[in-house]
PDB file of N, CA and C in Angstrom:
ATOM      1  N   MET A   1     -28.130 -53.850 -18.173  1.00  0.00           N
ATOM      2  CA  MET A   1     -27.266 -53.202 -17.196  1.00  0.00           C
ATOM      3  C   MET A   1     -28.115 -52.245 -16.361  1.00  0.00           C
ATOM      4  N   PRO A   2     -28.143 -52.424 -15.043  1.00  0.00           N
ATOM      5  CA  PRO A   2     -28.969 -51.541 -14.205  1.00  0.00           C
ATOM      6  C   PRO A   2     -28.371 -50.144 -14.107  1.00  0.00           C
ATOM      7  N   MET A   3     -29.268 -49.184 -13.925  1.00  0.00           N
ATOM      8  CA  MET A   3     -28.848 -47.781 -13.810  1.00  0.00           C
ATOM      9  C   MET A   3     -28.278 -47.530 -12.411  1.00  0.00           C
ATOM     10  N   PRO A   4     -27.104 -46.858 -12.331  1.00  0.00           N
ATOM     11  CA  PRO A   4     -26.553 -46.547 -10.997  1.00  0.00           C
ATOM     12  C   PRO A   4     -27.511 -45.676 -10.198  1.00  0.00           C
ATOM     13  N   ASP A   5     -27.471 -45.834  -8.871  1.00  0.00           N
ATOM     14  CA  ASP A   5     -28.369 -45.085  -7.989  1.00  0.00           C
ATOM     15  C   ASP A   5     -28.228 -43.580  -8.164  1.00  0.00           C
ATOM     16  N   VAL A   6     -27.022 -43.116  -8.461  1.00  0.00           N
ATOM     17  CA  VAL A   6     -26.781 -41.674  -8.570  1.00  0.00           C
ATOM     18  C   VAL A   6     -27.568 -41.074  -9.720  1.00  0.00           C
ATOM     19  N   LEU A   7     -27.769 -41.846 -10.797  1.00  0.00           N
ATOM     20  CA  LEU A   7     -28.421 -41.315 -11.991  1.00  0.00           C
ATOM     21  C   LEU A   7     -29.937 -41.482 -11.994  1.00  0.00           C
ATOM     22  N   LYS A   8     -30.500 -42.178 -11.030  1.00  0.00           N
ATOM     23  CA  LYS A   8     -31.947 -42.373 -10.992  1.00  0.00           C
ATOM     24  C   LYS A   8     -32.639 -41.038 -10.744  1.00  0.00           C
ATOM     25  N   PRO A   9     -33.790 -40.810 -11.368  1.00  0.00           N
ATOM     26  CA  PRO A   9     -34.479 -39.514 -11.231  1.00  0.00           C
ATOM     27  C   PRO A   9     -34.836 -39.157  -9.790  1.00  0.00           C
ATOM     28  N   GLU A  10     -35.144 -40.134  -8.952  1.00  0.00           N
ATOM     29  CA  GLU A  10     -35.532 -39.805  -7.584  1.00  0.00           C
ATOM     30  C   GLU A  10     -34.336 -39.380  -6.727  1.00  0.00           C
ATOM     31  N   ASN A  11     -33.112 -39.592  -7.207  1.00  0.00           N
ATOM     32  CA  ASN A  11     -31.912 -39.201  -6.464  1.00  0.00           C
ATOM     33  C   ASN A  11     -31.300 -37.918  -7.029  1.00  0.00           C
ATOM     34  N   LYS A  12     -32.126 -37.099  -7.657  1.00  0.00           N
ATOM     35  CA  LYS A  12     -31.659 -35.829  -8.193  1.00  0.00           C
ATOM     36  C   LYS A  12     -31.180 -34.923  -7.074  1.00  0.00           C
ATOM     37  N   PRO A  13     -30.044 -34.226  -7.264  1.00  0.00           N
ATOM     38  CA  PRO A  13     -29.595 -33.319  -6.203  1.00  0.00           C
ATOM     39  C   PRO A  13     -30.571 -32.155  -6.033  1.00  0.00           C
ATOM     40  N   ARG A  14     -30.825 -31.809  -4.783  1.00  0.00           N
ATOM     41  CA  ARG A  14     -31.727 -30.696  -4.481  1.00  0.00           C
ATOM     42  C   ARG A  14     -30.928 -29.403  -4.421  1.00  0.00           C
ATOM     43  N   PRO A  15     -31.569 -28.269  -4.693  1.00  0.00           N
ATOM     44  CA  PRO A  15     -30.853 -26.994  -4.575  1.00  0.00           C
ATOM     45  C   PRO A  15     -30.467 -26.724  -3.121  1.00  0.00           C
ATOM     46  N   LEU A  16     -29.433 -25.938  -2.967  1.00  0.00           N
ATOM     47  CA  LEU A  16     -28.925 -25.620  -1.634  1.00  0.00           C
ATOM     48  C   LEU A  16     -29.916 -24.710  -0.916  1.00  0.00           C
ATOM     49  N   GLY A  17     -30.284 -25.085   0.294  1.00  0.00           N
ATOM     50  CA  GLY A  17     -31.225 -24.291   1.082  1.00  0.00           C
ATOM     51  C   GLY A  17     -30.520 -23.238   1.911  1.00  0.00           C
ATOM     52  N   PRO A  18     -31.287 -22.482   2.697  1.00  0.00           N
ATOM     53  CA  PRO A  18     -30.698 -21.420   3.524  1.00  0.00           C
ATOM     54  C   PRO A  18     -29.660 -21.948   4.521  1.00  0.00           C
ATOM     55  N   ALA A  19     -29.917 -23.110   5.119  1.00  0.00           N
ATOM     56  CA  ALA A  19     -28.962 -23.668   6.078  1.00  0.00           C
ATOM     57  C   ALA A  19     -27.640 -24.006   5.393  1.00  0.00           C
ATOM     58  N   GLY A  20     -27.704 -24.482   4.166  1.00  0.00           N
ATOM     59  CA  GLY A  20     -26.486 -24.778   3.415  1.00  0.00           C
ATOM     60  C   GLY A  20     -25.672 -23.533   3.140  1.00  0.00           C
ATOM     61  N   TRP A  21     -26.352 -22.439   2.763  1.00  0.00           N
ATOM     62  CA  TRP A  21     -25.641 -21.180   2.499  1.00  0.00           C
ATOM     63  C   TRP A  21     -25.040 -20.598   3.774  1.00  0.00           C
ATOM     64  N   VAL A  22     -25.742 -20.759   4.899  1.00  0.00           N
ATOM     65  CA  VAL A  22     -25.197 -20.295   6.174  1.00  0.00           C
ATOM     66  C   VAL A  22     -23.943 -21.102   6.522  1.00  0.00           C
ATOM     67  N   ALA A  23     -23.985 -22.418   6.288  1.00  0.00           N
ATOM     68  CA  ALA A  23     -22.823 -23.265   6.564  1.00  0.00           C
ATOM     69  C   ALA A  23     -21.643 -22.874   5.679  1.00  0.00           C
ATOM     70  N   ILE A  24     -21.896 -22.596   4.403  1.00  0.00           N
ATOM     71  CA  ILE A  24     -20.826 -22.181   3.494  1.00  0.00           C
ATOM     72  C   ILE A  24     -20.247 -20.839   3.940  1.00  0.00           C
ATOM     73  N   ALA A  25     -21.111 -19.910   4.330  1.00  0.00           N
ATOM     74  CA  ALA A  25     -20.628 -18.608   4.800  1.00  0.00           C
ATOM     75  C   ALA A  25     -19.800 -18.757   6.070  1.00  0.00           C
ATOM     76  N   ALA A  26     -20.244 -19.610   6.990  1.00  0.00           N
ATOM     77  CA  ALA A  26     -19.503 -19.821   8.237  1.00  0.00           C
ATOM     78  C   ALA A  26     -18.135 -20.429   7.949  1.00  0.00           C
ATOM     79  N   MET A  27     -18.069 -21.387   7.031  1.00  0.00           N
ATOM     80  CA  MET A  27     -16.778 -21.981   6.681  1.00  0.00           C
ATOM     81  C   MET A  27     -15.882 -20.968   5.990  1.00  0.00           C
ATOM     82  N   GLY A  28     -16.456 -20.089   5.182  1.00  0.00           N
ATOM     83  CA  GLY A  28     -15.667 -19.035   4.546  1.00  0.00           C
ATOM     84  C   GLY A  28     -15.089 -18.071   5.560  1.00  0.00           C
ATOM     85  N   VAL A  29     -15.893 -17.712   6.557  1.00  0.00           N
ATOM     86  CA  VAL A  29     -15.404 -16.819   7.616  1.00  0.00           C
ATOM     87  C   VAL A  29     -14.283 -17.503   8.400  1.00  0.00           C
ATOM     88  N   LEU A  30     -14.469 -18.782   8.730  1.00  0.00           N
ATOM     89  CA  LEU A  30     -13.426 -19.509   9.453  1.00  0.00           C
ATOM     90  C   LEU A  30     -12.145 -19.618   8.630  1.00  0.00           C
ATOM     91  N   LEU A  31     -12.270 -19.835   7.339  1.00  0.00           N
ATOM     92  CA  LEU A  31     -11.091 -19.884   6.474  1.00  0.00           C
ATOM     93  C   LEU A  31     -10.378 -18.544   6.454  1.00  0.00           C
ATOM     94  N   GLY A  32     -11.138 -17.468   6.346  1.00  0.00           N
ATOM     95  CA  GLY A  32     -10.543 -16.136   6.360  1.00  0.00           C
ATOM     96  C   GLY A  32      -9.831 -15.848   7.668  1.00  0.00           C
ATOM     97  N   LEU A  33     -10.450 -16.228   8.787  1.00  0.00           N
ATOM     98  CA  LEU A  33      -9.816 -16.035  10.097  1.00  0.00           C
ATOM     99  C   LEU A  33      -8.542 -16.870  10.233  1.00  0.00           C
ATOM    100  N   ALA A  34      -8.557 -18.084   9.709  1.00  0.00           N
ATOM    101  CA  ALA A  34      -7.368 -18.937   9.792  1.00  0.00           C
ATOM    102  C   ALA A  34      -6.224 -18.343   8.973  1.00  0.00           C
ATOM    103  N   ILE A  35      -6.531 -17.824   7.791  1.00  0.00           N
ATOM    104  CA  ILE A  35      -5.494 -17.205   6.953  1.00  0.00           C
ATOM    105  C   ILE A  35      -4.959 -15.952   7.634  1.00  0.00           C
ATOM    106  N   TRP A  36      -5.856 -15.129   8.178  1.00  0.00           N
ATOM    107  CA  TRP A  36      -5.415 -13.921   8.884  1.00  0.00           C
ATOM    108  C   TRP A  36      -4.519 -14.287  10.063  1.00  0.00           C
ATOM    109  N   PHE A  37      -4.918 -15.304  10.856  1.00  0.00           N
ATOM    110  CA  PHE A  37      -4.142 -15.712  12.022  1.00  0.00           C
ATOM    111  C   PHE A  37      -2.772 -16.242  11.608  1.00  0.00           C
ATOM    112  N   ALA A  38      -2.705 -16.965  10.489  1.00  0.00           N
ATOM    113  CA  ALA A  38      -1.418 -17.482  10.010  1.00  0.00           C
ATOM    114  C   ALA A  38      -0.482 -16.332   9.653  1.00  0.00           C
ATOM    115  N   PHE A  39      -0.986 -15.339   8.911  1.00  0.00           N
ATOM    116  CA  PHE A  39      -0.143 -14.191   8.564  1.00  0.00           C
ATOM    117  C   PHE A  39       0.239 -13.390   9.804  1.00  0.00           C
ATOM    118  N   TRP A  40      -0.675 -13.217  10.724  1.00  0.00           N
ATOM    119  CA  TRP A  40      -0.403 -12.473  11.951  1.00  0.00           C
ATOM    120  C   TRP A  40       0.674 -13.184  12.768  1.00  0.00           C
ATOM    121  N   GLY A  41       0.531 -14.496  12.932  1.00  0.00           N
ATOM    122  CA  GLY A  41       1.509 -15.251  13.698  1.00  0.00           C
ATOM    123  C   GLY A  41       2.869 -15.289  13.029  1.00  0.00           C
ATOM    124  N   TRP A  42       2.879 -15.351  11.691  1.00  0.00           N
ATOM    125  CA  TRP A  42       4.140 -15.405  10.955  1.00  0.00           C
ATOM    126  C   TRP A  42       4.920 -14.101  11.119  1.00  0.00           C
ATOM    127  N   ASN A  43       4.222 -12.996  11.252  1.00  0.00           N
ATOM    128  CA  ASN A  43       4.878 -11.693  11.317  1.00  0.00           C
ATOM    129  C   ASN A  43       5.115 -11.204  12.751  1.00  0.00           C
ATOM    130  N   LEU A  44       4.939 -12.051  13.753  1.00  0.00           N
ATOM    131  CA  LEU A  44       5.154 -11.643  15.136  1.00  0.00           C
ATOM    132  C   LEU A  44       6.640 -11.453  15.467  1.00  0.00           C
ATOM    133  N   THR A  45       7.497 -12.087  14.719  1.00  0.00           N
ATOM    134  CA  THR A  45       8.920 -12.063  15.044  1.00  0.00           C
ATOM    135  C   THR A  45       9.735 -11.658  13.821  1.00  0.00           C
ATOM    136  N   ASP A  46      10.972 -11.316  14.069  1.00  0.00           N
ATOM    137  CA  ASP A  46      11.873 -10.961  12.971  1.00  0.00           C
ATOM    138  C   ASP A  46      12.756 -12.133  12.577  1.00  0.00           C
ATOM    139  N   ALA A  47      12.368 -13.342  12.939  1.00  0.00           N
ATOM    140  CA  ALA A  47      13.172 -14.517  12.634  1.00  0.00           C
ATOM    141  C   ALA A  47      13.255 -14.717  11.120  1.00  0.00           C
ATOM    142  N   VAL A  48      14.393 -15.213  10.685  1.00  0.00           N
ATOM    143  CA  VAL A  48      14.636 -15.457   9.266  1.00  0.00           C
ATOM    144  C   VAL A  48      14.927 -16.941   9.089  1.00  0.00           C
ATOM    145  N   LEU A  49      14.344 -17.528   8.072  1.00  0.00           N
ATOM    146  CA  LEU A  49      14.569 -18.936   7.772  1.00  0.00           C
ATOM    147  C   LEU A  49      15.813 -19.053   6.907  1.00  0.00           C
ATOM    148  N   ASP A  50      16.795 -19.823   7.362  1.00  0.00           N
ATOM    149  CA  ASP A  50      17.988 -19.996   6.543  1.00  0.00           C
ATOM    150  C   ASP A  50      17.726 -21.054   5.472  1.00  0.00           C
ATOM    151  N   THR A  51      18.742 -21.350   4.693  1.00  0.00           N
ATOM    152  CA  THR A  51      18.577 -22.284   3.574  1.00  0.00           C
ATOM    153  C   THR A  51      18.181 -23.670   4.054  1.00  0.00           C
ATOM    154  N   ASN A  52      18.798 -24.155   5.117  1.00  0.00           N
ATOM    155  CA  ASN A  52      18.449 -25.485   5.636  1.00  0.00           C
ATOM    156  C   ASN A  52      16.998 -25.528   6.116  1.00  0.00           C
ATOM    157  N   GLY A  53      16.538 -24.464   6.719  1.00  0.00           N
ATOM    158  CA  GLY A  53      15.152 -24.407   7.168  1.00  0.00           C
ATOM    159  C   GLY A  53      14.177 -24.425   6.007  1.00  0.00           C
ATOM    160  N   ARG A  54      14.509 -23.694   4.947  1.00  0.00           N
ATOM    161  CA  ARG A  54      13.645 -23.682   3.758  1.00  0.00           C
ATOM    162  C   ARG A  54      13.600 -25.051   3.101  1.00  0.00           C
ATOM    163  N   ILE A  55      14.763 -25.697   3.017  1.00  0.00           N
ATOM    164  CA  ILE A  55      14.807 -27.041   2.426  1.00  0.00           C
ATOM    165  C   ILE A  55      13.972 -28.006   3.260  1.00  0.00           C
ATOM    166  N   ALA A  56      14.100 -27.957   4.577  1.00  0.00           N
ATOM    167  CA  ALA A  56      13.318 -28.836   5.449  1.00  0.00           C
ATOM    168  C   ALA A  56      11.822 -28.565   5.297  1.00  0.00           C
ATOM    169  N   LEU A  57      11.453 -27.292   5.195  1.00  0.00           N
ATOM    170  CA  LEU A  57      10.041 -26.929   5.043  1.00  0.00           C
ATOM    171  C   LEU A  57       9.473 -27.467   3.728  1.00  0.00           C
ATOM    172  N   VAL A  58      10.214 -27.291   2.650  1.00  0.00           N
ATOM    173  CA  VAL A  58       9.754 -27.771   1.338  1.00  0.00           C
ATOM    174  C   VAL A  58       9.685 -29.290   1.309  1.00  0.00           C
ATOM    175  N   LEU A  59      10.731 -29.965   1.815  1.00  0.00           N
ATOM    176  CA  LEU A  59      10.714 -31.432   1.824  1.00  0.00           C
ATOM    177  C   LEU A  59       9.577 -31.974   2.688  1.00  0.00           C
ATOM    178  N   GLY A  60       9.323 -31.345   3.827  1.00  0.00           N
ATOM    179  CA  GLY A  60       8.219 -31.785   4.672  1.00  0.00           C
ATOM    180  C   GLY A  60       6.874 -31.641   3.969  1.00  0.00           C
ATOM    181  N   ALA A  61       6.686 -30.527   3.273  1.00  0.00           N
ATOM    182  CA  ALA A  61       5.428 -30.320   2.548  1.00  0.00           C
ATOM    183  C   ALA A  61       5.286 -31.312   1.403  1.00  0.00           C
ATOM    184  N   VAL A  62       6.369 -31.530   0.658  1.00  0.00           N
ATOM    185  CA  VAL A  62       6.314 -32.448  -0.491  1.00  0.00           C
ATOM    186  C   VAL A  62       6.032 -33.872  -0.021  1.00  0.00           C
ATOM    187  N   PHE A  63       6.757 -34.334   0.992  1.00  0.00           N
ATOM    188  CA  PHE A  63       6.534 -35.707   1.462  1.00  0.00           C
ATOM    189  C   PHE A  63       5.161 -35.868   2.110  1.00  0.00           C
ATOM    190  N   SER A  64       4.647 -34.839   2.744  1.00  0.00           N
ATOM    191  CA  SER A  64       3.289 -34.911   3.293  1.00  0.00           C
ATOM    192  C   SER A  64       2.264 -35.062   2.172  1.00  0.00           C
ATOM    193  N   MET A  65       2.463 -34.330   1.082  1.00  0.00           N
ATOM    194  CA  MET A  65       1.552 -34.446  -0.059  1.00  0.00           C
ATOM    195  C   MET A  65       1.663 -35.832  -0.703  1.00  0.00           C
ATOM    196  N   ILE A  66       2.863 -36.367  -0.795  1.00  0.00           N
ATOM    197  CA  ILE A  66       3.045 -37.702  -1.382  1.00  0.00           C
ATOM    198  C   ILE A  66       2.358 -38.757  -0.521  1.00  0.00           C
ATOM    199  N   VAL A  67       2.559 -38.696   0.785  1.00  0.00           N
ATOM    200  CA  VAL A  67       1.919 -39.670   1.681  1.00  0.00           C
ATOM    201  C   VAL A  67       0.400 -39.529   1.620  1.00  0.00           C
ATOM    202  N   GLY A  68      -0.105 -38.301   1.652  1.00  0.00           N
ATOM    203  CA  GLY A  68      -1.552 -38.094   1.562  1.00  0.00           C
ATOM    204  C   GLY A  68      -2.120 -38.594   0.244  1.00  0.00           C
ATOM    205  N   GLY A  69      -1.433 -38.310  -0.848  1.00  0.00           N
ATOM    206  CA  GLY A  69      -1.886 -38.793  -2.159  1.00  0.00           C
ATOM    207  C   GLY A  69      -1.853 -40.309  -2.238  1.00  0.00           C
ATOM    208  N   GLY A  70      -0.799 -40.919  -1.688  1.00  0.00           N
ATOM    209  CA  GLY A  70      -0.720 -42.383  -1.689  1.00  0.00           C
ATOM    210  C   GLY A  70      -1.827 -43.012  -0.872  1.00  0.00           C
ATOM    211  N   LEU A  71      -2.126 -42.441   0.274  1.00  0.00           N
ATOM    212  CA  LEU A  71      -3.207 -42.986   1.095  1.00  0.00           C
ATOM    213  C   LEU A  71      -4.565 -42.826   0.411  1.00  0.00           C
ATOM    214  N   MET A  72      -4.771 -41.704  -0.255  1.00  0.00           N
ATOM    215  CA  MET A  72      -6.033 -41.525  -0.997  1.00  0.00           C
ATOM    216  C   MET A  72      -6.126 -42.517  -2.158  1.00  0.00           C
ATOM    217  N   ALA A  73      -4.997 -42.754  -2.842  1.00  0.00           N
ATOM    218  CA  ALA A  73      -4.994 -43.734  -3.927  1.00  0.00           C
ATOM    219  C   ALA A  73      -5.341 -45.119  -3.396  1.00  0.00           C
ATOM    220  N   LEU A  74      -4.763 -45.494  -2.252  1.00  0.00           N
ATOM    221  CA  LEU A  74      -5.099 -46.787  -1.650  1.00  0.00           C
ATOM    222  C   LEU A  74      -6.569 -46.859  -1.262  1.00  0.00           C
ATOM    223  N   LEU A  75      -7.113 -45.764  -0.780  1.00  0.00           N
ATOM    224  CA  LEU A  75      -8.528 -45.725  -0.405  1.00  0.00           C
ATOM    225  C   LEU A  75      -9.415 -45.968  -1.625  1.00  0.00           C
ATOM    226  N   PHE A  76      -9.139 -45.273  -2.731  1.00  0.00           N
ATOM    227  CA  PHE A  76      -9.949 -45.457  -3.935  1.00  0.00           C
ATOM    228  C   PHE A  76      -9.760 -46.847  -4.524  1.00  0.00           C
ATOM    229  N   TRP A  77      -8.534 -47.354  -4.514  1.00  0.00           N
ATOM    230  CA  TRP A  77      -8.265 -48.686  -5.048  1.00  0.00           C
ATOM    231  C   TRP A  77      -9.005 -49.741  -4.227  1.00  0.00           C
ATOM    232  N   SER A  78      -8.946 -49.607  -2.895  1.00  0.00           N
ATOM    233  CA  SER A  78      -9.609 -50.550  -2.013  1.00  0.00           C
ATOM    234  C   SER A  78     -11.128 -50.536  -2.232  1.00  0.00           C
ATOM    235  N   ASN A  79     -11.686 -49.348  -2.413  1.00  0.00           N
ATOM    236  CA  ASN A  79     -13.122 -49.233  -2.645  1.00  0.00           C
ATOM    237  C   ASN A  79     -13.505 -49.850  -3.987  1.00  0.00           C
ATOM    238  N   ARG A  80     -12.698 -49.607  -5.012  1.00  0.00           N
ATOM    239  CA  ARG A  80     -13.006 -50.112  -6.343  1.00  0.00           C
ATOM    240  C   ARG A  80     -12.913 -51.632  -6.399  1.00  0.00           C
ATOM    241  N   LYS A  81     -11.990 -52.200  -5.643  1.00  0.00           N
ATOM    242  CA  LYS A  81     -11.828 -53.664  -5.627  1.00  0.00           C
ATOM    243  C   LYS A  81     -12.873 -54.348  -4.739  1.00  0.00           C
ATOM    244  N   GLY A  82     -13.630 -53.567  -3.976  1.00  0.00           N
ATOM    245  CA  GLY A  82     -14.694 -54.142  -3.163  1.00  0.00           C
ATOM    246  C   GLY A  82     -14.264 -54.566  -1.772  1.00  0.00           C
ATOM    247  N   PHE A  83     -13.073 -54.149  -1.332  1.00  0.00           N
ATOM    248  CA  PHE A  83     -12.613 -54.526  -0.001  1.00  0.00           C
ATOM    249  C   PHE A  83     -13.330 -53.756   1.101  1.00  0.00           C
ATOM    250  N   ASP A  84     -14.007 -52.681   0.768  1.00  0.00           N
ATOM    251  CA  ASP A  84     -14.655 -51.837   1.769  1.00  0.00           C
ATOM    252  C   ASP A  84     -16.115 -52.214   2.001  1.00  0.00           C
ATOM    253  N   ARG A  85     -16.560 -53.275   1.420  1.00  0.00           N
ATOM    254  CA  ARG A  85     -17.978 -53.649   1.562  1.00  0.00           C
ATOM    255  C   ARG A  85     -18.177 -54.602   2.692  1.00  0.00           C
TER     256      ARG A  85
END
C-alpha cells in the first residue's frame, strides 16, 4: 500500500512565517471590525423584533445551515467517489 502524499517526509508542514502571521493579524482585525460594525448597526434604531420576526430569523438561520451542510456533504461525497477528478 503506497504512502499518501500528505504523510511523506518531504511534504512536512513548514512553520508559519512572518507573512502568515501578518495575514492572520489582518484577518483578526477585519473580524473585529465586522463584529463592531454589526453591533453598531444593530443599535442604530429602537426597532423591536416581534415574535413573527424572531421565528423568521431563526428559521432562516436554521435552513441556511441545513442547506450549507447538505452542500458540503455532497461535496465530500462527490470527492470521495472520484467524481471530481
